[in-house]
Amino acid sequence: MAIDKETQVSASVVLDKNIYEQLKEICKKEKRSVSSQVALLVEDYVKNKSKSKK
């Protein structure tokens, strides 16, 4: 998937293998790629963190 360099960045992460395997199972159930699932999780986390600061 190509990224829009105006609004997006490419970032890599290092995960424990056990966590990665669990994440892959979640992705399979959600019908998402690992990359899109991680992006969704991070976006949700940041949104929730921002709400809790207000």
PDB file of N, CA and C in Angstrom:
ATOM      1  N   MET A   1       0.845  -1.174   0.000  1.00  0.00           N
ATOM      2  CA  MET A   1       0.000   0.000   0.000  1.00  0.00           C
ATOM      3  C   MET A   1       0.894   1.242   0.000  1.00  0.00           C
ATOM      4  N   ALA A   2       0.663   2.117  -0.924  1.00  0.00           N
ATOM      5  CA  ALA A   2       1.435   3.355  -1.009  1.00  0.00           C
ATOM      6  C   ALA A   2       0.977   4.325   0.073  1.00  0.00           C
ATOM      7  N   ILE A   3       1.922   5.133   0.554  1.00  0.00           N
ATOM      8  CA  ILE A   3       1.551   6.124   1.558  1.00  0.00           C
ATOM      9  C   ILE A   3       1.516   7.508   0.937  1.00  0.00           C
ATOM     10  N   ASP A   4       0.687   8.358   1.502  1.00  0.00           N
ATOM     11  CA  ASP A   4       0.601   9.758   1.091  1.00  0.00           C
ATOM     12  C   ASP A   4       1.615  10.518   1.937  1.00  0.00           C
ATOM     13  N   LYS A   5       2.741  10.876   1.359  1.00  0.00           N
ATOM     14  CA  LYS A   5       3.828  11.504   2.110  1.00  0.00           C
ATOM     15  C   LYS A   5       3.449  12.860   2.695  1.00  0.00           C
ATOM     16  N   GLU A   6       2.363  13.438   2.218  1.00  0.00           N
ATOM     17  CA  GLU A   6       1.883  14.709   2.770  1.00  0.00           C
ATOM     18  C   GLU A   6       1.210  14.512   4.125  1.00  0.00           C
ATOM     19  N   THR A   7       0.552  13.364   4.314  1.00  0.00           N
ATOM     20  CA  THR A   7      -0.240  13.157   5.530  1.00  0.00           C
ATOM     21  C   THR A   7       0.137  11.917   6.329  1.00  0.00           C
ATOM     22  N   GLN A   8       1.033  11.080   5.812  1.00  0.00           N
ATOM     23  CA  GLN A   8       1.373   9.830   6.479  1.00  0.00           C
ATOM     24  C   GLN A   8       2.883   9.638   6.552  1.00  0.00           C
ATOM     25  N   VAL A   9       3.307   8.805   7.505  1.00  0.00           N
ATOM     26  CA  VAL A   9       4.710   8.405   7.605  1.00  0.00           C
ATOM     27  C   VAL A   9       4.762   6.884   7.702  1.00  0.00           C
ATOM     28  N   SER A  10       5.870   6.332   7.309  1.00  0.00           N
ATOM     29  CA  SER A  10       6.099   4.903   7.456  1.00  0.00           C
ATOM     30  C   SER A  10       6.936   4.703   8.716  1.00  0.00           C
ATOM     31  N   ALA A  11       6.488   3.811   9.607  1.00  0.00           N
ATOM     32  CA  ALA A  11       7.207   3.567  10.856  1.00  0.00           C
ATOM     33  C   ALA A  11       7.309   2.061  11.076  1.00  0.00           C
ATOM     34  N   SER A  12       8.419   1.629  11.602  1.00  0.00           N
ATOM     35  CA  SER A  12       8.556   0.202  11.902  1.00  0.00           C
ATOM     36  C   SER A  12       8.607   0.015  13.417  1.00  0.00           C
ATOM     37  N   VAL A  13       8.228  -1.164  13.860  1.00  0.00           N
ATOM     38  CA  VAL A  13       8.239  -1.481  15.287  1.00  0.00           C
ATOM     39  C   VAL A  13       8.913  -2.831  15.493  1.00  0.00           C
ATOM     40  N   VAL A  14       9.411  -3.039  16.692  1.00  0.00           N
ATOM     41  CA  VAL A  14       9.971  -4.325  17.080  1.00  0.00           C
ATOM     42  C   VAL A  14       9.047  -4.895  18.149  1.00  0.00           C
ATOM     43  N   LEU A  15       8.543  -6.107  17.900  1.00  0.00           N
ATOM     44  CA  LEU A  15       7.610  -6.746  18.822  1.00  0.00           C
ATOM     45  C   LEU A  15       8.150  -8.090  19.280  1.00  0.00           C
ATOM     46  N   ASP A  16       7.768  -8.486  20.469  1.00  0.00           N
ATOM     47  CA  ASP A  16       8.032  -9.822  20.960  1.00  0.00           C
ATOM     48  C   ASP A  16       7.317 -10.812  20.030  1.00  0.00           C
ATOM     49  N   LYS A  17       7.951 -11.926  19.718  1.00  0.00           N
ATOM     50  CA  LYS A  17       7.361 -12.892  18.783  1.00  0.00           C
ATOM     51  C   LYS A  17       5.998 -13.389  19.254  1.00  0.00           C
ATOM     52  N   ASN A  18       5.853 -13.617  20.548  1.00  0.00           N
ATOM     53  CA  ASN A  18       4.580 -14.086  21.087  1.00  0.00           C
ATOM     54  C   ASN A  18       3.480 -13.044  20.856  1.00  0.00           C
ATOM     55  N   ILE A  19       3.777 -11.794  21.100  1.00  0.00           N
ATOM     56  CA  ILE A  19       2.815 -10.707  20.873  1.00  0.00           C
ATOM     57  C   ILE A  19       2.467 -10.630  19.387  1.00  0.00           C
ATOM     58  N   TYR A  20       3.476 -10.749  18.537  1.00  0.00           N
ATOM     59  CA  TYR A  20       3.244 -10.687  17.094  1.00  0.00           C
ATOM     60  C   TYR A  20       2.310 -11.809  16.634  1.00  0.00           C
ATOM     61  N   GLU A  21       2.526 -13.004  17.149  1.00  0.00           N
ATOM     62  CA  GLU A  21       1.666 -14.134  16.772  1.00  0.00           C
ATOM     63  C   GLU A  21       0.228 -13.896  17.232  1.00  0.00           C
ATOM     64  N   GLN A  22       0.065 -13.350  18.429  1.00  0.00           N
ATOM     65  CA  GLN A  22      -1.279 -13.024  18.921  1.00  0.00           C
ATOM     66  C   GLN A  22      -1.914 -11.936  18.051  1.00  0.00           C
ATOM     67  N   LEU A  23      -1.114 -10.959  17.676  1.00  0.00           N
ATOM     68  CA  LEU A  23      -1.596  -9.877  16.821  1.00  0.00           C
ATOM     69  C   LEU A  23      -2.053 -10.425  15.467  1.00  0.00           C
ATOM     70  N   LYS A  24      -1.300 -11.357  14.907  1.00  0.00           N
ATOM     71  CA  LYS A  24      -1.684 -11.957  13.623  1.00  0.00           C
ATOM     72  C   LYS A  24      -3.032 -12.655  13.722  1.00  0.00           C
ATOM     73  N   GLU A  25      -3.299 -13.307  14.844  1.00  0.00           N
ATOM     74  CA  GLU A  25      -4.595 -13.969  15.040  1.00  0.00           C
ATOM     75  C   GLU A  25      -5.723 -12.943  15.094  1.00  0.00           C
ATOM     76  N   ILE A  26      -5.490 -11.837  15.780  1.00  0.00           N
ATOM     77  CA  ILE A  26      -6.480 -10.754  15.839  1.00  0.00           C
ATOM     78  C   ILE A  26      -6.730 -10.225  14.433  1.00  0.00           C
ATOM     79  N   CYS A  27      -5.666 -10.008  13.689  1.00  0.00           N
ATOM     80  CA  CYS A  27      -5.775  -9.483  12.321  1.00  0.00           C
ATOM     81  C   CYS A  27      -6.583 -10.419  11.433  1.00  0.00           C
ATOM     82  N   LYS A  28      -6.351 -11.687  11.582  1.00  0.00           N
ATOM     83  CA  LYS A  28      -7.083 -12.674  10.782  1.00  0.00           C
ATOM     84  C   LYS A  28      -8.585 -12.563  11.054  1.00  0.00           C
ATOM     85  N   LYS A  29      -8.950 -12.444  12.330  1.00  0.00           N
ATOM     86  CA  LYS A  29     -10.363 -12.330  12.708  1.00  0.00           C
ATOM     87  C   LYS A  29     -10.964 -11.008  12.237  1.00  0.00           C
ATOM     88  N   GLU A  30     -10.164  -9.945  12.274  1.00  0.00           N
ATOM     89  CA  GLU A  30     -10.633  -8.610  11.892  1.00  0.00           C
ATOM     90  C   GLU A  30     -10.504  -8.348  10.390  1.00  0.00           C
ATOM     91  N   LYS A  31      -9.878  -9.300   9.676  1.00  0.00           N
ATOM     92  CA  LYS A  31      -9.642  -9.171   8.231  1.00  0.00           C
ATOM     93  C   LYS A  31      -8.858  -7.902   7.893  1.00  0.00           C
ATOM     94  N   ARG A  32      -7.763  -7.702   8.653  1.00  0.00           N
ATOM     95  CA  ARG A  32      -6.867  -6.571   8.424  1.00  0.00           C
ATOM     96  C   ARG A  32      -5.435  -7.091   8.332  1.00  0.00           C
ATOM     97  N   SER A  33      -4.590  -6.291   7.713  1.00  0.00           N
ATOM     98  CA  SER A  33      -3.164  -6.613   7.724  1.00  0.00           C
ATOM     99  C   SER A  33      -2.607  -6.237   9.098  1.00  0.00           C
ATOM    100  N   VAL A  34      -1.444  -6.774   9.414  1.00  0.00           N
ATOM    101  CA  VAL A  34      -0.796  -6.423  10.679  1.00  0.00           C
ATOM    102  C   VAL A  34      -0.538  -4.921  10.721  1.00  0.00           C
ATOM    103  N   SER A  35      -0.070  -4.379   9.620  1.00  0.00           N
ATOM    104  CA  SER A  35       0.226  -2.949   9.558  1.00  0.00           C
ATOM    105  C   SER A  35      -1.013  -2.098   9.824  1.00  0.00           C
ATOM    106  N   SER A  36      -2.116  -2.427   9.174  1.00  0.00           N
ATOM    107  CA  SER A  36      -3.330  -1.628   9.374  1.00  0.00           C
ATOM    108  C   SER A  36      -3.901  -1.818  10.774  1.00  0.00           C
ATOM    109  N   GLN A  37      -3.743  -3.006  11.349  1.00  0.00           N
ATOM    110  CA  GLN A  37      -4.221  -3.245  12.714  1.00  0.00           C
ATOM    111  C   GLN A  37      -3.393  -2.446  13.711  1.00  0.00           C
ATOM    112  N   VAL A  38      -2.084  -2.438  13.542  1.00  0.00           N
ATOM    113  CA  VAL A  38      -1.220  -1.658  14.434  1.00  0.00           C
ATOM    114  C   VAL A  38      -1.552  -0.176  14.313  1.00  0.00           C
ATOM    115  N   ALA A  39      -1.750   0.305  13.093  1.00  0.00           N
ATOM    116  CA  ALA A  39      -2.111   1.713  12.893  1.00  0.00           C
ATOM    117  C   ALA A  39      -3.417   2.034  13.611  1.00  0.00           C
ATOM    118  N   LEU A  40      -4.408   1.159  13.498  1.00  0.00           N
ATOM    119  CA  LEU A  40      -5.691   1.371  14.166  1.00  0.00           C
ATOM    120  C   LEU A  40      -5.522   1.396  15.685  1.00  0.00           C
ATOM    121  N   LEU A  41      -4.757   0.457  16.222  1.00  0.00           N
ATOM    122  CA  LEU A  41      -4.528   0.404  17.665  1.00  0.00           C
ATOM    123  C   LEU A  41      -3.840   1.670  18.169  1.00  0.00           C
ATOM    124  N   VAL A  42      -2.842   2.133  17.439  1.00  0.00           N
ATOM    125  CA  VAL A  42      -2.121   3.343  17.837  1.00  0.00           C
ATOM    126  C   VAL A  42      -3.042   4.562  17.752  1.00  0.00           C
ATOM    127  N   GLU A  43      -3.800   4.674  16.672  1.00  0.00           N
ATOM    128  CA  GLU A  43      -4.734   5.801  16.523  1.00  0.00           C
ATOM    129  C   GLU A  43      -5.751   5.820  17.661  1.00  0.00           C
ATOM    130  N   ASP A  44      -6.321   4.659  17.983  1.00  0.00           N
ATOM    131  CA  ASP A  44      -7.291   4.578  19.080  1.00  0.00           C
ATOM    132  C   ASP A  44      -6.646   4.962  20.408  1.00  0.00           C
ATOM    133  N   TYR A  45      -5.440   4.489  20.645  1.00  0.00           N
ATOM    134  CA  TYR A  45      -4.727   4.803  21.887  1.00  0.00           C
ATOM    135  C   TYR A  45      -4.497   6.308  22.015  1.00  0.00           C
ATOM    136  N   VAL A  46      -4.022   6.918  20.949  1.00  0.00           N
ATOM    137  CA  VAL A  46      -3.738   8.355  20.973  1.00  0.00           C
ATOM    138  C   VAL A  46      -5.031   9.151  21.182  1.00  0.00           C
ATOM    139  N   LYS A  47      -6.097   8.774  20.503  1.00  0.00           N
ATOM    140  CA  LYS A  47      -7.390   9.458  20.681  1.00  0.00           C
ATOM    141  C   LYS A  47      -7.860   9.354  22.125  1.00  0.00           C
ATOM    142  N   ASN A  48      -7.772   8.160  22.710  1.00  0.00           N
ATOM    143  CA  ASN A  48      -8.204   7.965  24.095  1.00  0.00           C
ATOM    144  C   ASN A  48      -7.317   8.718  25.071  1.00  0.00           C
ATOM    145  N   LYS A  49      -6.027   8.767  24.807  1.00  0.00           N
ATOM    146  CA  LYS A  49      -5.094   9.513  25.659  1.00  0.00           C
ATOM    147  C   LYS A  49      -5.416  10.998  25.611  1.00  0.00           C
ATOM    148  N   SER A  50      -5.711  11.497  24.412  1.00  0.00           N
ATOM    149  CA  SER A  50      -6.036  12.914  24.244  1.00  0.00           C
ATOM    150  C   SER A  50      -7.314  13.266  24.998  1.00  0.00           C
ATOM    151  N   LYS A  51      -8.305  12.388  24.955  1.00  0.00           N
ATOM    152  CA  LYS A  51      -9.569  12.621  25.656  1.00  0.00           C
ATOM    153  C   LYS A  51      -9.364  12.657  27.163  1.00  0.00           C
ATOM    154  N   SER A  52      -8.487  11.796  27.674  1.00  0.00           N
ATOM    155  CA  SER A  52      -8.283  11.718  29.122  1.00  0.00           C
ATOM    156  C   SER A  52      -7.532  12.929  29.670  1.00  0.00           C
ATOM    157  N   LYS A  53      -6.826  13.663  28.818  1.00  0.00           N
ATOM    158  CA  LYS A  53      -6.094  14.855  29.258  1.00  0.00           C
ATOM    159  C   LYS A  53      -7.006  16.064  29.405  1.00  0.00           C
ATOM    160  N   LYS A  54      -8.185  16.014  28.780  1.00  0.00           N
ATOM    161  CA  LYS A  54      -9.092  17.164  28.798  1.00  0.00           C
ATOM    162  C   LYS A  54      -9.888  17.226  30.065  1.00  0.00           C
TER     163      LYS A  54
END
